C-alpha cells in the first residue's frame, strides 16, 4: 500500500504580501486605479501633480484595503449590547390541530 502526502492547506485563503483572499484583488485594483488616475491627471494638468495623485491614491487604496481586511474576510455586524429575545411558544406547540 502506497502512502501519498496530503496537502493540508486547501481550505486556507490565498495570502500575498499580507493581503488575504479577496483583498488581493482589492489591492491590485487600487494599484491599477491609482496608476490610471495619476496618468490622466499628469496628462491633463501637470506631470508633478499627476505623480503626487498617483502616490496618494495608491497609498490611500492600500491603506483602506488593509483597514477593511483587519475586520475579517467576511463583513460582520458587530453589535454591542444585551439583546433579549422573547420566547413566543404556545401551550401545545407541536401538536397537530392547533
N, C-alpha and C. Protein backbone atom coordinates (compact mmCIF):
# COMPACT_ATOMS: atom_id res chain seq x y z
N UNK A 1 0.85 -1.18 0.00
CA UNK A 1 0.00 0.00 0.00
C UNK A 1 0.89 1.24 0.00
N UNK A 2 0.66 2.13 -0.94
CA UNK A 2 1.45 3.36 -1.03
C UNK A 2 0.79 4.46 -0.21
N UNK A 3 1.61 5.28 0.39
CA UNK A 3 1.12 6.42 1.15
C UNK A 3 1.45 7.68 0.38
N UNK A 4 0.47 8.53 0.18
CA UNK A 4 0.66 9.79 -0.52
C UNK A 4 0.49 10.95 0.46
N UNK A 5 1.35 11.96 0.36
CA UNK A 5 1.19 13.10 1.26
C UNK A 5 -0.07 13.90 0.87
N UNK A 6 -0.74 14.37 1.87
CA UNK A 6 -1.96 15.14 1.66
C UNK A 6 -1.64 16.60 1.94
N UNK A 7 -2.00 17.45 0.99
CA UNK A 7 -1.79 18.89 1.18
C UNK A 7 -2.88 19.42 2.09
N UNK A 8 -2.51 19.92 3.25
CA UNK A 8 -3.49 20.34 4.26
C UNK A 8 -3.93 21.79 4.11
N UNK A 9 -3.35 22.54 3.19
CA UNK A 9 -3.67 23.96 3.10
C UNK A 9 -4.75 24.31 2.11
N UNK A 10 -5.56 23.35 1.69
CA UNK A 10 -6.57 23.62 0.67
C UNK A 10 -7.69 24.52 1.18
N UNK A 11 -7.98 24.52 2.44
CA UNK A 11 -9.07 25.30 2.97
C UNK A 11 -8.64 26.69 3.44
N UNK A 12 -7.38 27.01 3.28
CA UNK A 12 -6.87 28.30 3.73
C UNK A 12 -6.96 29.31 2.59
N UNK A 13 -7.20 30.59 2.89
CA UNK A 13 -7.24 31.59 1.82
C UNK A 13 -5.85 31.88 1.29
N UNK A 14 -5.81 32.33 0.04
CA UNK A 14 -4.56 32.70 -0.60
C UNK A 14 -4.00 33.94 0.09
N UNK A 15 -2.70 33.97 0.35
CA UNK A 15 -2.06 35.10 1.02
C UNK A 15 -0.93 35.60 0.14
N UNK A 16 -0.90 36.92 -0.11
CA UNK A 16 0.17 37.53 -0.88
C UNK A 16 0.53 38.86 -0.24
N UNK A 17 1.74 38.95 0.26
CA UNK A 17 2.27 40.16 0.89
C UNK A 17 1.34 40.74 1.96
N UNK A 18 0.77 39.89 2.74
CA UNK A 18 -0.07 40.32 3.86
C UNK A 18 -1.53 40.46 3.52
N UNK A 19 -1.90 40.42 2.25
CA UNK A 19 -3.31 40.51 1.87
C UNK A 19 -3.84 39.10 1.67
N UNK A 20 -5.06 38.86 2.13
CA UNK A 20 -5.65 37.53 2.08
C UNK A 20 -6.90 37.54 1.22
N UNK A 21 -7.08 36.46 0.47
CA UNK A 21 -8.32 36.20 -0.25
C UNK A 21 -8.73 37.31 -1.19
N UNK A 22 -9.94 37.82 -0.99
CA UNK A 22 -10.49 38.83 -1.88
C UNK A 22 -9.76 40.17 -1.77
N UNK A 23 -9.03 40.39 -0.70
CA UNK A 23 -8.33 41.66 -0.53
C UNK A 23 -7.11 41.77 -1.44
N UNK A 24 -6.64 40.65 -1.99
CA UNK A 24 -5.58 40.71 -3.00
C UNK A 24 -6.12 41.43 -4.23
N UNK A 25 -7.33 41.09 -4.66
CA UNK A 25 -7.94 41.75 -5.81
C UNK A 25 -8.20 43.22 -5.51
N UNK A 26 -8.61 43.54 -4.28
CA UNK A 26 -8.82 44.94 -3.91
C UNK A 26 -7.52 45.72 -3.99
N UNK A 27 -6.43 45.13 -3.53
CA UNK A 27 -5.13 45.80 -3.58
C UNK A 27 -4.66 46.01 -5.02
N UNK A 28 -4.82 45.00 -5.86
CA UNK A 28 -4.42 45.14 -7.27
C UNK A 28 -5.27 46.18 -7.97
N UNK A 29 -6.56 46.20 -7.69
CA UNK A 29 -7.43 47.19 -8.33
C UNK A 29 -7.12 48.60 -7.84
N UNK A 30 -6.73 48.76 -6.58
CA UNK A 30 -6.36 50.09 -6.11
C UNK A 30 -5.05 50.55 -6.76
N UNK A 31 -4.11 49.61 -7.02
CA UNK A 31 -2.89 49.96 -7.74
C UNK A 31 -3.20 50.40 -9.17
N UNK A 32 -4.03 49.62 -9.85
CA UNK A 32 -4.39 49.96 -11.24
C UNK A 32 -5.15 51.26 -11.34
N UNK A 33 -6.11 51.45 -10.45
CA UNK A 33 -6.90 52.69 -10.46
C UNK A 33 -6.03 53.90 -10.14
N UNK A 34 -5.08 53.74 -9.23
CA UNK A 34 -4.17 54.84 -8.91
C UNK A 34 -3.28 55.21 -10.08
N UNK A 35 -2.79 54.20 -10.81
CA UNK A 35 -1.96 54.49 -11.99
C UNK A 35 -2.76 55.18 -13.09
N UNK A 36 -3.99 54.72 -13.32
CA UNK A 36 -4.82 55.35 -14.35
C UNK A 36 -5.18 56.78 -13.95
N UNK A 37 -5.58 56.96 -12.71
CA UNK A 37 -5.95 58.30 -12.24
C UNK A 37 -4.76 59.25 -12.27
N UNK A 38 -3.61 58.78 -11.84
CA UNK A 38 -2.41 59.61 -11.88
C UNK A 38 -1.97 59.91 -13.30
N UNK A 39 -2.09 58.93 -14.21
CA UNK A 39 -1.74 59.17 -15.60
C UNK A 39 -2.63 60.19 -16.27
N UNK A 40 -3.93 60.08 -15.99
CA UNK A 40 -4.85 61.08 -16.55
C UNK A 40 -4.59 62.47 -15.99
N UNK A 41 -4.34 62.54 -14.70
CA UNK A 41 -4.04 63.84 -14.08
C UNK A 41 -2.74 64.41 -14.63
N UNK A 42 -1.75 63.56 -14.82
CA UNK A 42 -0.48 64.01 -15.36
C UNK A 42 -0.61 64.47 -16.80
N UNK A 43 -1.46 63.83 -17.59
CA UNK A 43 -1.63 64.23 -18.98
C UNK A 43 -2.47 65.50 -19.12
N UNK A 44 -3.44 65.65 -18.24
CA UNK A 44 -4.35 66.79 -18.38
C UNK A 44 -3.91 68.02 -17.61
N UNK A 45 -3.27 67.86 -16.47
CA UNK A 45 -2.94 69.00 -15.62
C UNK A 45 -1.44 69.26 -15.62
N UNK A 46 -0.70 68.40 -14.93
CA UNK A 46 0.73 68.62 -14.76
C UNK A 46 1.37 67.28 -14.39
N UNK A 47 2.59 67.06 -14.83
CA UNK A 47 3.26 65.80 -14.57
C UNK A 47 3.54 65.61 -13.07
N UNK A 48 3.92 66.65 -12.39
CA UNK A 48 4.23 66.55 -10.97
C UNK A 48 2.98 66.32 -10.13
N UNK A 49 1.92 67.00 -10.49
CA UNK A 49 0.65 66.77 -9.78
C UNK A 49 0.14 65.36 -10.06
N UNK A 50 0.33 64.88 -11.28
CA UNK A 50 -0.06 63.51 -11.62
C UNK A 50 0.70 62.48 -10.81
N UNK A 51 2.01 62.70 -10.63
CA UNK A 51 2.80 61.80 -9.80
C UNK A 51 2.35 61.82 -8.36
N UNK A 52 2.03 63.00 -7.86
CA UNK A 52 1.54 63.12 -6.48
C UNK A 52 0.19 62.41 -6.32
N UNK A 53 -0.70 62.60 -7.30
CA UNK A 53 -2.01 61.95 -7.25
C UNK A 53 -1.85 60.43 -7.31
N UNK A 54 -0.90 59.96 -8.12
CA UNK A 54 -0.65 58.51 -8.21
C UNK A 54 -0.22 57.95 -6.86
N UNK A 55 0.75 58.59 -6.23
CA UNK A 55 1.26 58.11 -4.95
C UNK A 55 0.19 58.15 -3.87
N UNK A 56 -0.56 59.26 -3.81
CA UNK A 56 -1.58 59.40 -2.78
C UNK A 56 -2.72 58.41 -2.98
N UNK A 57 -3.16 58.23 -4.22
CA UNK A 57 -4.28 57.31 -4.46
C UNK A 57 -3.89 55.86 -4.22
N UNK A 58 -2.68 55.46 -4.60
CA UNK A 58 -2.24 54.09 -4.35
C UNK A 58 -2.07 53.85 -2.86
N UNK A 59 -1.43 54.78 -2.16
CA UNK A 59 -1.25 54.62 -0.71
C UNK A 59 -2.59 54.62 0.01
N UNK A 60 -3.49 55.49 -0.39
CA UNK A 60 -4.81 55.52 0.23
C UNK A 60 -5.60 54.24 -0.02
N UNK A 61 -5.55 53.73 -1.25
CA UNK A 61 -6.25 52.49 -1.58
C UNK A 61 -5.71 51.29 -0.82
N UNK A 62 -4.39 51.20 -0.71
CA UNK A 62 -3.80 50.08 0.03
C UNK A 62 -4.06 50.19 1.52
N UNK A 63 -4.04 51.41 2.05
CA UNK A 63 -4.36 51.61 3.47
C UNK A 63 -5.81 51.23 3.75
N UNK A 64 -6.72 51.66 2.86
CA UNK A 64 -8.13 51.32 3.04
C UNK A 64 -8.34 49.80 2.96
N UNK A 65 -7.66 49.15 2.02
CA UNK A 65 -7.76 47.70 1.89
C UNK A 65 -7.24 47.00 3.14
N UNK A 66 -6.13 47.47 3.67
CA UNK A 66 -5.58 46.89 4.89
C UNK A 66 -6.53 47.11 6.07
N UNK A 67 -7.16 48.27 6.13
CA UNK A 67 -8.11 48.57 7.20
C UNK A 67 -9.33 47.66 7.11
N UNK A 68 -9.85 47.45 5.89
CA UNK A 68 -11.01 46.58 5.72
C UNK A 68 -10.66 45.12 6.01
N UNK A 69 -9.43 44.72 5.73
CA UNK A 69 -9.02 43.35 5.97
C UNK A 69 -8.92 43.05 7.46
N UNK A 70 -8.64 44.04 8.26
CA UNK A 70 -8.49 43.80 9.70
C UNK A 70 -9.79 43.37 10.35
N UNK A 71 -10.95 43.65 9.69
CA UNK A 71 -12.22 43.22 10.26
C UNK A 71 -12.58 41.80 9.85
N UNK A 72 -11.81 41.18 8.95
CA UNK A 72 -12.04 39.79 8.58
C UNK A 72 -12.37 39.63 7.11
N UNK A 73 -12.36 38.39 6.66
CA UNK A 73 -12.65 38.11 5.25
C UNK A 73 -14.11 38.34 4.90
N UNK A 74 -14.99 38.25 5.87
CA UNK A 74 -16.41 38.44 5.63
C UNK A 74 -16.89 39.62 6.44
N UNK A 75 -17.78 40.42 5.85
CA UNK A 75 -18.31 41.57 6.58
C UNK A 75 -19.20 41.07 7.70
N UNK A 76 -18.98 41.61 8.87
CA UNK A 76 -19.73 41.19 10.04
C UNK A 76 -20.34 42.41 10.71
N UNK A 77 -21.51 42.23 11.27
CA UNK A 77 -22.11 43.27 12.11
C UNK A 77 -21.68 43.01 13.53
N UNK A 78 -21.02 43.96 14.10
CA UNK A 78 -20.55 43.80 15.47
C UNK A 78 -21.39 44.71 16.38
N UNK A 79 -22.56 44.21 16.74
CA UNK A 79 -23.45 44.97 17.60
C UNK A 79 -23.05 44.76 19.05
N UNK A 80 -23.03 45.84 19.79
CA UNK A 80 -22.70 45.75 21.21
C UNK A 80 -23.98 45.95 22.01
N UNK A 81 -24.05 45.30 23.11
CA UNK A 81 -25.22 45.45 23.95
C UNK A 81 -25.79 44.09 24.33
N UNK A 82 -26.88 44.16 25.07
CA UNK A 82 -27.56 42.95 25.51
C UNK A 82 -28.87 42.85 24.75
N UNK A 83 -29.09 41.74 24.11
CA UNK A 83 -30.29 41.53 23.33
C UNK A 83 -31.09 40.41 23.97
N UNK A 84 -32.36 40.70 24.25
CA UNK A 84 -33.24 39.71 24.86
C UNK A 84 -34.30 39.34 23.83
N UNK A 85 -34.31 38.08 23.47
CA UNK A 85 -35.28 37.58 22.51
C UNK A 85 -36.36 36.85 23.27
N UNK A 86 -37.59 37.31 23.11
CA UNK A 86 -38.69 36.67 23.81
C UNK A 86 -39.03 35.32 23.19
N UNK A 87 -39.57 34.45 24.01
CA UNK A 87 -39.98 33.13 23.55
C UNK A 87 -41.48 33.17 23.37
N UNK A 88 -41.91 32.97 22.14
CA UNK A 88 -43.33 33.03 21.83
C UNK A 88 -43.83 31.63 21.51
N UNK A 89 -43.90 30.80 22.53
CA UNK A 89 -44.39 29.45 22.35
C UNK A 89 -45.73 29.32 23.05
N UNK A 90 -46.68 28.73 22.34
CA UNK A 90 -47.98 28.48 22.95
C UNK A 90 -47.97 27.11 23.61
N UNK A 91 -48.88 26.95 24.52
CA UNK A 91 -49.01 25.62 25.14
C UNK A 91 -49.53 24.67 24.07
N UNK A 92 -48.90 23.54 23.97
CA UNK A 92 -49.31 22.55 22.98
C UNK A 92 -48.60 22.76 21.65
N UNK A 93 -47.51 23.48 21.67
CA UNK A 93 -46.76 23.71 20.44
C UNK A 93 -46.24 22.39 19.88
N UNK A 94 -46.47 22.16 18.64
CA UNK A 94 -46.01 20.95 18.01
C UNK A 94 -47.09 19.90 17.84
N UNK A 95 -48.23 20.11 18.51
CA UNK A 95 -49.34 19.15 18.33
C UNK A 95 -50.12 19.51 17.08
N UNK A 96 -50.69 18.55 16.49
CA UNK A 96 -51.49 18.81 15.29
C UNK A 96 -52.85 19.32 15.68
N UNK A 97 -53.43 20.12 14.83
CA UNK A 97 -54.79 20.63 15.06
C UNK A 97 -54.83 21.94 15.82
N UNK A 98 -53.70 22.57 16.10
CA UNK A 98 -53.72 23.85 16.82
C UNK A 98 -53.45 24.97 15.87
